[in-house]
Amino acid sequence: MSEKIRPFVKWAGGKGNLISQLNNFYPYELKNGTIERYIEPFIGGGAVLIDILQKYDVQQAYAFDINIDLINSYNIIKNNVEELITNLKQIELEYLGLEQEERKNYFYHKREEYNNYTLIENEQNIQRAVQFIYLNRTCFNGLYRVNKEGKFNVPIGSYKNPMICDENNLRNLSRLIQNVEFQYGDYTKSMKYVTKNTFVYFDPPYRPLSQTSAFTSYTKENFNDNNQKELAVFYKKLDEQNAKLMLSNSNPKNTDKEDTFFENIYQGFNIDEIYASRMINANSEKRGEISEIVVTNYNR
């Protein structure tokens, strides 16, 4: 499996472009092989999970998310990748054969179909995964956003020739994640799997740098400052179990040098900076490099 494996979805806040920097913060115990278990309580696009599974020999891995369609899609890739590929190739063939106006009608019809069905916990539904991946690959900026009713409401994108079915990557990803357990649920569900030989990476919805930059709508429940504080309390509980912990978030000092929100709630832990490109912004002039924070409970 020498081919580089990529996340199967585009994801706001995805860590694909930051892997080389985040590598510098992985715990020594992961690199020397004494970490037995890896956990991601907010799996999202899974770039860090994919990186770690390709580089290090962890015996077990667990991934969680409150986006039930995302978890369904991971489980379908893991357990039924060939049937998924067959169905995705068919939808790709249909979509790419249409003219622009026909594509719009097709997209909004598929979006309506998607919004008219709700998965139940532990359900594994191939057609739902097909719709999820198709919409992600053809919607505006690959954004996943839902309204207060939980309905996906991102408009069609303007891609001329989108790759809807990346079959080689899907097969490689399927092989890579065979020992990963994907569960629907919030980050607290991960606690019972944490031991002292565990590395946990938190990538929660970022605290917005401004009201207009707020994007936490991966599900109908938003992630506000109180949720950030609750997560910090959870982080401290896991620290007491001697697990190795790493967390990413926005750096409020990009817009307010006096904002000490994260220093306050993660007092006593290491807080470092990395630099990221602002990828999802309607105004191209505002897509620049900004700093983000990395919180760890160990020394590098």
C-alpha atoms as a PDB file:
ATOM      1  CA  MET A   1       0.000   0.000   0.000  1.00  0.00           C
ATOM      2  CA  SER A   2       2.652   2.502  -1.100  1.00  0.00           C
ATOM      3  CA  GLU A   3       0.074   4.849  -2.604  1.00  0.00           C
ATOM      4  CA  LYS A   4      -0.725   7.766  -0.294  1.00  0.00           C
ATOM      5  CA  ILE A   5      -4.189   7.406   1.196  1.00  0.00           C
ATOM      6  CA  ARG A   6      -6.365  10.500   1.496  1.00  0.00           C
ATOM      7  CA  PRO A   7      -9.578  11.320   3.371  1.00  0.00           C
ATOM      8  CA  PHE A   8     -12.627  10.259   1.348  1.00  0.00           C
ATOM      9  CA  VAL A   9     -14.450  13.526   2.095  1.00  0.00           C
ATOM     10  CA  LYS A  10     -13.652  17.205   1.918  1.00  0.00           C
ATOM     11  CA  TRP A  11     -14.191  18.537   5.427  1.00  0.00           C
ATOM     12  CA  ALA A  12     -14.190  22.040   6.865  1.00  0.00           C
ATOM     13  CA  GLY A  13     -11.230  22.175   9.227  1.00  0.00           C
ATOM     14  CA  GLY A  14      -9.733  18.985   7.772  1.00  0.00           C
ATOM     15  CA  LYS A  15      -6.112  18.456   8.795  1.00  0.00           C
ATOM     16  CA  GLY A  16      -4.676  17.196   5.506  1.00  0.00           C
ATOM     17  CA  ASN A  17      -2.558  20.311   4.949  1.00  0.00           C
ATOM     18  CA  LEU A  18      -1.319  20.381   8.539  1.00  0.00           C
ATOM     19  CA  ILE A  19      -0.091  16.804   8.889  1.00  0.00           C
ATOM     20  CA  SER A  20       3.589  17.718   8.520  1.00  0.00           C
ATOM     21  CA  GLN A  21       3.258  20.217  11.386  1.00  0.00           C
ATOM     22  CA  LEU A  22       1.093  17.995  13.582  1.00  0.00           C
ATOM     23  CA  ASN A  23       3.648  15.198  13.193  1.00  0.00           C
ATOM     24  CA  ASN A  24       6.002  17.301  15.301  1.00  0.00           C
ATOM     25  CA  PHE A  25       3.554  17.093  18.194  1.00  0.00           C
ATOM     26  CA  TYR A  26       2.875  13.359  18.174  1.00  0.00           C
ATOM     27  CA  PRO A  27       4.040  11.826  21.478  1.00  0.00           C
ATOM     28  CA  TYR A  28       7.368  10.031  21.586  1.00  0.00           C
ATOM     29  CA  GLU A  29       5.584   6.917  22.828  1.00  0.00           C
ATOM     30  CA  LEU A  30       3.652   6.697  19.555  1.00  0.00           C
ATOM     31  CA  LYS A  31       6.861   6.847  17.565  1.00  0.00           C
ATOM     32  CA  ASN A  32       8.698   4.261  19.683  1.00  0.00           C
ATOM     33  CA  GLY A  33       5.820   1.785  19.593  1.00  0.00           C
ATOM     34  CA  THR A  34       4.643   1.818  23.204  1.00  0.00           C
ATOM     35  CA  ILE A  35       1.273   3.403  22.374  1.00  0.00           C
ATOM     36  CA  GLU A  36      -1.185   0.501  21.995  1.00  0.00           C
ATOM     37  CA  ARG A  37      -4.370   2.416  21.226  1.00  0.00           C
ATOM     38  CA  TYR A  38      -5.313   5.504  19.219  1.00  0.00           C
ATOM     39  CA  ILE A  39      -8.586   7.393  19.719  1.00  0.00           C
ATOM     40  CA  GLU A  40     -10.191  10.276  17.822  1.00  0.00           C
ATOM     41  CA  PRO A  41     -13.346  11.583  19.510  1.00  0.00           C
ATOM     42  CA  PHE A  42     -14.123  13.971  16.591  1.00  0.00           C
ATOM     43  CA  ILE A  43     -13.106  11.983  13.517  1.00  0.00           C
ATOM     44  CA  GLY A  44     -14.240  14.383  10.762  1.00  0.00           C
ATOM     45  CA  GLY A  45     -12.264  13.776   7.576  1.00  0.00           C
ATOM     46  CA  GLY A  46      -9.836  11.487   9.391  1.00  0.00           C
ATOM     47  CA  ALA A  47      -6.550  12.884   8.048  1.00  0.00           C
ATOM     48  CA  VAL A  48      -4.684  12.322  11.323  1.00  0.00           C
ATOM     49  CA  LEU A  49      -6.107   8.822  11.770  1.00  0.00           C
ATOM     50  CA  ILE A  50      -5.011   7.933   8.228  1.00  0.00           C
ATOM     51  CA  ASP A  51      -1.544   9.382   8.817  1.00  0.00           C
ATOM     52  CA  ILE A  52      -1.030   7.500  12.067  1.00  0.00           C
ATOM     53  CA  LEU A  53      -2.294   4.168  10.708  1.00  0.00           C
ATOM     54  CA  GLN A  54       0.097   4.420   7.756  1.00  0.00           C
ATOM     55  CA  LYS A  55       3.128   5.265   9.909  1.00  0.00           C
ATOM     56  CA  TYR A  56       2.738   3.550  13.261  1.00  0.00           C
ATOM     57  CA  ASP A  57       1.765   0.135  14.549  1.00  0.00           C
ATOM     58  CA  VAL A  58      -1.150   0.777  16.904  1.00  0.00           C
ATOM     59  CA  GLN A  59      -2.995  -2.350  17.978  1.00  0.00           C
ATOM     60  CA  GLN A  60      -6.445  -0.761  18.268  1.00  0.00           C
ATOM     61  CA  ALA A  61      -8.116   2.422  17.090  1.00  0.00           C
ATOM     62  CA  TYR A  62     -11.479   3.989  17.907  1.00  0.00           C
ATOM     63  CA  ALA A  63     -13.163   6.901  16.135  1.00  0.00           C
ATOM     64  CA  PHE A  64     -16.310   8.796  17.098  1.00  0.00           C
ATOM     65  CA  ASP A  65     -18.478  11.515  15.622  1.00  0.00           C
ATOM     66  CA  ILE A  66     -21.943  12.981  16.169  1.00  0.00           C
ATOM     67  CA  ASN A  67     -22.479  13.085  12.403  1.00  0.00           C
ATOM     68  CA  ILE A  68     -24.229   9.750  11.947  1.00  0.00           C
ATOM     69  CA  ASP A  69     -23.903   9.864   8.142  1.00  0.00           C
ATOM     70  CA  LEU A  70     -20.152  10.291   8.406  1.00  0.00           C
ATOM     71  CA  ILE A  71     -19.873   7.260  10.700  1.00  0.00           C
ATOM     72  CA  ASN A  72     -22.144   5.255   8.393  1.00  0.00           C
ATOM     73  CA  SER A  73     -19.897   6.107   5.448  1.00  0.00           C
ATOM     74  CA  TYR A  74     -16.747   5.008   7.293  1.00  0.00           C
ATOM     75  CA  ASN A  75     -18.396   1.713   8.208  1.00  0.00           C
ATOM     76  CA  ILE A  76     -19.567   1.127   4.636  1.00  0.00           C
ATOM     77  CA  ILE A  77     -16.041   1.817   3.326  1.00  0.00           C
ATOM     78  CA  LYS A  78     -14.682  -0.600   5.912  1.00  0.00           C
ATOM     79  CA  ASN A  79     -17.215  -3.394   5.354  1.00  0.00           C
ATOM     80  CA  ASN A  80     -18.754  -2.996   1.863  1.00  0.00           C
ATOM     81  CA  VAL A  81     -16.324  -0.997  -0.234  1.00  0.00           C
ATOM     82  CA  GLU A  82     -16.883  -2.847  -3.527  1.00  0.00           C
ATOM     83  CA  GLU A  83     -20.643  -2.346  -3.491  1.00  0.00           C
ATOM     84  CA  LEU A  84     -20.092   1.291  -2.540  1.00  0.00           C
ATOM     85  CA  ILE A  85     -17.720   1.755  -5.498  1.00  0.00           C
ATOM     86  CA  THR A  86     -20.174   0.143  -7.930  1.00  0.00           C
ATOM     87  CA  ASN A  87     -22.950   2.504  -6.868  1.00  0.00           C
ATOM     88  CA  LEU A  88     -20.728   5.592  -6.786  1.00  0.00           C
ATOM     89  CA  LYS A  89     -19.403   4.874 -10.290  1.00  0.00           C
ATOM     90  CA  GLN A  90     -22.973   4.695 -11.574  1.00  0.00           C
ATOM     91  CA  ILE A  91     -23.924   8.036 -10.032  1.00  0.00           C
ATOM     92  CA  GLU A  92     -20.684   9.580 -11.345  1.00  0.00           C
ATOM     93  CA  LEU A  93     -21.445   8.344 -14.857  1.00  0.00           C
ATOM     94  CA  GLU A  94     -24.961   9.783 -14.708  1.00  0.00           C
ATOM     95  CA  TYR A  95     -23.911  13.139 -13.286  1.00  0.00           C
ATOM     96  CA  LEU A  96     -20.928  13.819 -15.551  1.00  0.00           C
ATOM     97  CA  GLY A  97     -23.047  13.038 -18.614  1.00  0.00           C
ATOM     98  CA  LEU A  98     -25.428  15.906 -17.886  1.00  0.00           C
ATOM     99  CA  GLU A  99     -25.406  19.532 -19.034  1.00  0.00           C
ATOM    100  CA  GLN A 100     -25.085  22.266 -16.410  1.00  0.00           C
ATOM    101  CA  GLU A 101     -28.804  22.878 -15.876  1.00  0.00           C
ATOM    102  CA  GLU A 102     -29.513  19.156 -15.773  1.00  0.00           C
ATOM    103  CA  ARG A 103     -26.767  18.757 -13.174  1.00  0.00           C
ATOM    104  CA  LYS A 104     -28.501  21.294 -10.960  1.00  0.00           C
ATOM    105  CA  ASN A 105     -31.773  19.395 -11.144  1.00  0.00           C
ATOM    106  CA  TYR A 106     -29.958  16.126 -10.454  1.00  0.00           C
ATOM    107  CA  PHE A 107     -28.059  17.568  -7.470  1.00  0.00           C
ATOM    108  CA  TYR A 108     -31.127  19.076  -5.807  1.00  0.00           C
ATOM    109  CA  HIS A 109     -33.114  15.905  -6.377  1.00  0.00           C
ATOM    110  CA  LYS A 110     -30.375  13.872  -4.675  1.00  0.00           C
ATOM    111  CA  ARG A 111     -30.171  16.420  -1.861  1.00  0.00           C
ATOM    112  CA  GLU A 112     -33.913  16.141  -1.309  1.00  0.00           C
ATOM    113  CA  GLU A 113     -33.704  12.333  -1.273  1.00  0.00           C
ATOM    114  CA  TYR A 114     -30.889  12.583   1.262  1.00  0.00           C
ATOM    115  CA  ASN A 115     -32.875  14.944   3.496  1.00  0.00           C
ATOM    116  CA  ASN A 116     -35.992  12.768   3.404  1.00  0.00           C
ATOM    117  CA  TYR A 117     -34.327   9.861   5.194  1.00  0.00           C
ATOM    118  CA  THR A 118     -32.736   9.668   8.624  1.00  0.00           C
ATOM    119  CA  LEU A 119     -30.360   6.923   9.686  1.00  0.00           C
ATOM    120  CA  ILE A 120     -30.886   5.120  12.962  1.00  0.00           C
ATOM    121  CA  GLU A 121     -28.001   4.244  15.276  1.00  0.00           C
ATOM    122  CA  ASN A 122     -25.942   1.216  14.179  1.00  0.00           C
ATOM    123  CA  GLU A 123     -27.622   1.158  10.755  1.00  0.00           C
ATOM    124  CA  GLN A 124     -25.249   0.555   7.849  1.00  0.00           C
ATOM    125  CA  ASN A 125     -26.825   1.874   4.669  1.00  0.00           C
ATOM    126  CA  ILE A 126     -24.900   1.794   1.396  1.00  0.00           C
ATOM    127  CA  GLN A 127     -27.228   4.099  -0.562  1.00  0.00           C
ATOM    128  CA  ARG A 128     -27.009   6.672   2.208  1.00  0.00           C
ATOM    129  CA  ALA A 129     -23.193   6.563   2.034  1.00  0.00           C
ATOM    130  CA  VAL A 130     -23.383   6.967  -1.757  1.00  0.00           C
ATOM    131  CA  GLN A 131     -25.565  10.068  -1.387  1.00  0.00           C
ATOM    132  CA  PHE A 132     -23.316  11.477   1.347  1.00  0.00           C
ATOM    133  CA  ILE A 133     -20.155  11.118  -0.747  1.00  0.00           C
ATOM    134  CA  TYR A 134     -21.844  12.355  -3.942  1.00  0.00           C
ATOM    135  CA  LEU A 135     -23.157  15.505  -2.230  1.00  0.00           C
ATOM    136  CA  ASN A 136     -19.791  16.156  -0.585  1.00  0.00           C
ATOM    137  CA  ARG A 137     -17.981  15.870  -3.911  1.00  0.00           C
ATOM    138  CA  THR A 138     -20.351  18.100  -5.870  1.00  0.00           C
ATOM    139  CA  CYS A 139     -21.594  20.723  -3.389  1.00  0.00           C
ATOM    140  CA  PHE A 140     -20.126  24.200  -2.893  1.00  0.00           C
ATOM    141  CA  ASN A 141     -16.566  23.992  -1.516  1.00  0.00           C
ATOM    142  CA  GLY A 142     -17.150  20.427  -0.321  1.00  0.00           C
ATOM    143  CA  LEU A 143     -18.839  21.927   2.723  1.00  0.00           C
ATOM    144  CA  TYR A 144     -20.982  19.866   5.071  1.00  0.00           C
ATOM    145  CA  ARG A 145     -23.548  22.090   6.759  1.00  0.00           C
ATOM    146  CA  VAL A 146     -27.023  21.488   8.121  1.00  0.00           C
ATOM    147  CA  ASN A 147     -29.794  23.826   9.271  1.00  0.00           C
ATOM    148  CA  LYS A 148     -31.568  23.783  12.642  1.00  0.00           C
ATOM    149  CA  GLU A 149     -33.807  20.954  11.453  1.00  0.00           C
ATOM    150  CA  GLY A 150     -30.744  18.885  10.616  1.00  0.00           C
ATOM    151  CA  LYS A 151     -31.280  19.180   6.846  1.00  0.00           C
ATOM    152  CA  PHE A 152     -28.243  19.408   4.562  1.00  0.00           C
ATOM    153  CA  ASN A 153     -28.531  22.804   2.849  1.00  0.00           C
ATOM    154  CA  VAL A 154     -25.317  23.437   0.909  1.00  0.00           C
ATOM    155  CA  PRO A 155     -25.912  24.473  -2.731  1.00  0.00           C
ATOM    156  CA  ILE A 156     -24.368  22.865  -5.788  1.00  0.00           C
ATOM    157  CA  GLY A 157     -20.723  23.647  -6.546  1.00  0.00           C
ATOM    158  CA  SER A 158     -19.306  24.742  -9.889  1.00  0.00           C
ATOM    159  CA  TYR A 159     -16.907  21.840 -10.516  1.00  0.00           C
ATOM    160  CA  LYS A 160     -16.613  20.915 -14.187  1.00  0.00           C
ATOM    161  CA  ASN A 161     -15.342  17.379 -13.712  1.00  0.00           C
ATOM    162  CA  PRO A 162     -15.555  16.332 -10.042  1.00  0.00           C
ATOM    163  CA  MET A 163     -14.141  12.965  -9.000  1.00  0.00           C
ATOM    164  CA  ILE A 164     -17.101  11.379  -7.263  1.00  0.00           C
ATOM    165  CA  CYS A 165     -15.714   7.851  -7.119  1.00  0.00           C
ATOM    166  CA  ASP A 166     -12.015   7.652  -6.242  1.00  0.00           C
ATOM    167  CA  GLU A 167     -12.015   3.872  -6.302  1.00  0.00           C
ATOM    168  CA  ASN A 168      -8.300   3.257  -5.659  1.00  0.00           C
ATOM    169  CA  ASN A 169      -8.317   5.510  -2.632  1.00  0.00           C
ATOM    170  CA  LEU A 170     -11.517   3.958  -1.299  1.00  0.00           C
ATOM    171  CA  ARG A 171     -10.075   0.438  -1.578  1.00  0.00           C
ATOM    172  CA  ASN A 172      -6.811   1.457   0.068  1.00  0.00           C
ATOM    173  CA  LEU A 173      -8.673   3.260   2.829  1.00  0.00           C
ATOM    174  CA  SER A 174     -10.876   0.218   3.380  1.00  0.00           C
ATOM    175  CA  ARG A 175      -7.824  -1.988   3.904  1.00  0.00           C
ATOM    176  CA  LEU A 176      -6.233   0.569   6.225  1.00  0.00           C
ATOM    177  CA  ILE A 177      -9.215   0.931   8.595  1.00  0.00           C
ATOM    178  CA  GLN A 178     -10.072  -2.741   9.092  1.00  0.00           C
ATOM    179  CA  ASN A 179      -8.977  -2.588  12.739  1.00  0.00           C
ATOM    180  CA  VAL A 180     -10.712   0.719  13.492  1.00  0.00           C
ATOM    181  CA  GLU A 181     -14.011   0.776  15.357  1.00  0.00           C
ATOM    182  CA  PHE A 182     -16.219   3.668  14.209  1.00  0.00           C
ATOM    183  CA  GLN A 183     -18.992   4.689  16.580  1.00  0.00           C
ATOM    184  CA  TYR A 184     -21.748   7.268  16.418  1.00  0.00           C
ATOM    185  CA  GLY A 185     -21.733   9.463  19.512  1.00  0.00           C
ATOM    186  CA  ASP A 186     -20.174  12.501  21.129  1.00  0.00           C
ATOM    187  CA  TYR A 187     -16.638  12.688  22.457  1.00  0.00           C
ATOM    188  CA  THR A 188     -17.589  11.496  25.958  1.00  0.00           C
ATOM    189  CA  LYS A 189     -18.326   8.042  24.526  1.00  0.00           C
ATOM    190  CA  SER A 190     -14.588   7.582  24.020  1.00  0.00           C
ATOM    191  CA  MET A 191     -13.763   7.684  27.730  1.00  0.00           C
ATOM    192  CA  LYS A 192     -14.244   3.982  28.478  1.00  0.00           C
ATOM    193  CA  TYR A 193     -11.616   3.078  25.860  1.00  0.00           C
ATOM    194  CA  VAL A 194      -8.862   5.278  27.279  1.00  0.00           C
ATOM    195  CA  THR A 195      -5.929   3.611  29.069  1.00  0.00           C
ATOM    196  CA  LYS A 196      -2.481   4.877  30.031  1.00  0.00           C
ATOM    197  CA  ASN A 197      -1.052   3.502  26.754  1.00  0.00           C
ATOM    198  CA  THR A 198      -3.515   5.510  24.657  1.00  0.00           C
ATOM    199  CA  PHE A 199      -2.989   8.532  22.421  1.00  0.00           C
ATOM    200  CA  VAL A 200      -6.097  10.705  22.041  1.00  0.00           C
ATOM    201  CA  TYR A 201      -6.320  13.459  19.432  1.00  0.00           C
ATOM    202  CA  PHE A 202      -9.162  15.961  19.757  1.00  0.00           C
ATOM    203  CA  ASP A 203     -10.176  18.017  16.735  1.00  0.00           C
ATOM    204  CA  PRO A 204     -13.436  19.650  17.850  1.00  0.00           C
ATOM    205  CA  PRO A 205     -15.402  22.275  15.931  1.00  0.00           C
ATOM    206  CA  TYR A 206     -13.207  25.346  16.209  1.00  0.00           C
ATOM    207  CA  ARG A 207     -14.094  28.341  18.294  1.00  0.00           C
ATOM    208  CA  PRO A 208     -14.938  31.034  15.697  1.00  0.00           C
ATOM    209  CA  LEU A 209     -12.561  33.972  15.355  1.00  0.00           C
ATOM    210  CA  SER A 210     -15.520  36.256  14.669  1.00  0.00           C
ATOM    211  CA  GLN A 211     -19.296  36.034  14.423  1.00  0.00           C
ATOM    212  CA  THR A 212     -19.137  35.929  10.635  1.00  0.00           C
ATOM    213  CA  SER A 213     -16.547  33.147  10.605  1.00  0.00           C
ATOM    214  CA  ALA A 214     -18.630  30.873  12.822  1.00  0.00           C
ATOM    215  CA  PHE A 215     -18.901  27.407  11.326  1.00  0.00           C
ATOM    216  CA  THR A 216     -19.891  24.643  13.707  1.00  0.00           C
ATOM    217  CA  SER A 217     -22.946  23.287  11.906  1.00  0.00           C
ATOM    218  CA  TYR A 218     -21.805  19.747  11.106  1.00  0.00           C
ATOM    219  CA  THR A 219     -24.967  18.718  12.925  1.00  0.00           C
ATOM    220  CA  LYS A 220     -28.016  20.658  14.075  1.00  0.00           C
ATOM    221  CA  GLU A 221     -26.359  21.169  17.482  1.00  0.00           C
ATOM    222  CA  ASN A 222     -23.756  23.944  17.540  1.00  0.00           C
ATOM    223  CA  PHE A 223     -20.542  23.863  19.583  1.00  0.00           C
ATOM    224  CA  ASN A 224     -20.334  27.032  21.676  1.00  0.00           C
ATOM    225  CA  ASP A 225     -17.986  28.379  24.374  1.00  0.00           C
ATOM    226  CA  ASN A 226     -19.708  26.346  27.076  1.00  0.00           C
ATOM    227  CA  ASN A 227     -19.129  23.213  25.005  1.00  0.00           C
ATOM    228  CA  GLN A 228     -15.453  24.175  24.657  1.00  0.00           C
ATOM    229  CA  LYS A 229     -15.205  24.505  28.452  1.00  0.00           C
ATOM    230  CA  GLU A 230     -16.902  21.133  28.966  1.00  0.00           C
ATOM    231  CA  LEU A 231     -14.411  19.585  26.559  1.00  0.00           C
ATOM    232  CA  ALA A 232     -11.518  21.083  28.560  1.00  0.00           C
ATOM    233  CA  VAL A 233     -12.917  19.446  31.727  1.00  0.00           C
ATOM    234  CA  PHE A 234     -13.070  16.118  29.853  1.00  0.00           C
ATOM    235  CA  TYR A 235      -9.486  16.634  28.646  1.00  0.00           C
ATOM    236  CA  LYS A 236      -8.371  17.034  32.277  1.00  0.00           C
ATOM    237  CA  LYS A 237     -10.180  13.826  33.271  1.00  0.00           C
ATOM    238  CA  LEU A 238      -8.289  11.878  30.618  1.00  0.00           C
ATOM    239  CA  ASP A 239      -5.040  13.518  31.695  1.00  0.00           C
ATOM    240  CA  GLU A 240      -5.610  12.007  35.152  1.00  0.00           C
ATOM    241  CA  GLN A 241      -5.585   8.564  33.475  1.00  0.00           C
ATOM    242  CA  ASN A 242      -2.075   9.281  32.121  1.00  0.00           C
ATOM    243  CA  ALA A 243      -3.171   9.055  28.484  1.00  0.00           C
ATOM    244  CA  LYS A 244      -1.252  11.130  25.936  1.00  0.00           C
ATOM    245  CA  LEU A 245      -3.509  13.964  24.738  1.00  0.00           C
ATOM    246  CA  MET A 246      -3.338  16.406  21.836  1.00  0.00           C
ATOM    247  CA  LEU A 247      -5.992  18.958  20.857  1.00  0.00           C
ATOM    248  CA  SER A 248      -6.322  21.439  17.990  1.00  0.00           C
ATOM    249  CA  ASN A 249      -8.335  24.643  17.945  1.00  0.00           C
ATOM    250  CA  SER A 250      -8.407  28.144  16.530  1.00  0.00           C
ATOM    251  CA  ASN A 251      -6.140  30.812  17.967  1.00  0.00           C
ATOM    252  CA  PRO A 252      -8.280  33.774  19.119  1.00  0.00           C
ATOM    253  CA  LYS A 253      -5.165  35.955  19.144  1.00  0.00           C
ATOM    254  CA  ASN A 254      -5.422  36.170  15.360  1.00  0.00           C
ATOM    255  CA  THR A 255      -8.140  38.754  15.905  1.00  0.00           C
ATOM    256  CA  ASP A 256      -7.804  39.740  19.582  1.00  0.00           C
ATOM    257  CA  LYS A 257      -4.379  39.698  21.243  1.00  0.00           C
ATOM    258  CA  GLU A 258      -6.028  39.976  24.665  1.00  0.00           C
ATOM    259  CA  ASP A 259      -8.232  36.894  24.276  1.00  0.00           C
ATOM    260  CA  THR A 260      -6.969  34.295  26.773  1.00  0.00           C
ATOM    261  CA  PHE A 261      -9.918  31.889  26.498  1.00  0.00           C
ATOM    262  CA  PHE A 262      -7.817  28.803  25.779  1.00  0.00           C
ATOM    263  CA  GLU A 263      -4.991  29.711  28.172  1.00  0.00           C
ATOM    264  CA  ASN A 264      -7.631  29.882  30.896  1.00  0.00           C
ATOM    265  CA  ILE A 265      -9.426  26.609  30.209  1.00  0.00           C
ATOM    266  CA  TYR A 266      -6.231  24.645  29.416  1.00  0.00           C
ATOM    267  CA  GLN A 267      -4.125  26.149  32.184  1.00  0.00           C
ATOM    268  CA  GLY A 268      -1.211  23.891  33.108  1.00  0.00           C
ATOM    269  CA  PHE A 269      -0.952  22.247  29.667  1.00  0.00           C
ATOM    270  CA  ASN A 270       1.384  23.036  26.767  1.00  0.00           C
ATOM    271  CA  ILE A 271      -0.079  25.399  24.165  1.00  0.00           C
ATOM    272  CA  ASP A 272       1.836  25.778  20.899  1.00  0.00           C
ATOM    273  CA  GLU A 273       1.115  27.402  17.546  1.00  0.00           C
ATOM    274  CA  ILE A 274       0.992  26.011  14.027  1.00  0.00           C
ATOM    275  CA  TYR A 275       0.095  27.835  10.825  1.00  0.00           C
ATOM    276  CA  ALA A 276      -2.782  27.041   8.509  1.00  0.00           C
ATOM    277  CA  SER A 277      -4.310  28.431   5.344  1.00  0.00           C
ATOM    278  CA  ARG A 278      -7.877  29.640   5.713  1.00  0.00           C
ATOM    279  CA  MET A 279      -9.475  27.383   3.108  1.00  0.00           C
ATOM    280  CA  ILE A 280     -13.232  27.908   3.354  1.00  0.00           C
ATOM    281  CA  ASN A 281     -14.082  31.546   2.823  1.00  0.00           C
ATOM    282  CA  ALA A 282     -16.320  32.990   0.128  1.00  0.00           C
ATOM    283  CA  ASN A 283     -13.955  35.947  -0.239  1.00  0.00           C
ATOM    284  CA  SER A 284     -10.734  34.686  -1.839  1.00  0.00           C
ATOM    285  CA  GLU A 285      -8.827  37.719  -0.534  1.00  0.00           C
ATOM    286  CA  LYS A 286      -9.487  36.516   3.013  1.00  0.00           C
ATOM    287  CA  ARG A 287      -7.992  33.068   2.419  1.00  0.00           C
ATOM    288  CA  GLY A 288      -4.655  33.603   4.102  1.00  0.00           C
ATOM    289  CA  GLU A 289      -2.335  32.046   6.659  1.00  0.00           C
ATOM    290  CA  ILE A 290      -3.459  32.150  10.277  1.00  0.00           C
ATOM    291  CA  SER A 291      -2.189  30.470  13.421  1.00  0.00           C
ATOM    292  CA  GLU A 292      -3.943  27.652  15.233  1.00  0.00           C
ATOM    293  CA  ILE A 293      -3.193  26.169  18.629  1.00  0.00           C
ATOM    294  CA  VAL A 294      -2.105  22.674  19.643  1.00  0.00           C
ATOM    295  CA  VAL A 295      -2.649  21.695  23.288  1.00  0.00           C
ATOM    296  CA  THR A 296      -0.671  18.723  24.664  1.00  0.00           C
ATOM    297  CA  ASN A 297      -0.252  17.175  28.104  1.00  0.00           C
ATOM    298  CA  TYR A 298       3.285  15.950  27.438  1.00  0.00           C
ATOM    299  CA  ASN A 299       6.637  17.399  26.469  1.00  0.00           C
ATOM    300  CA  ARG A 300       7.947  16.806  22.990  1.00  0.00           C
END
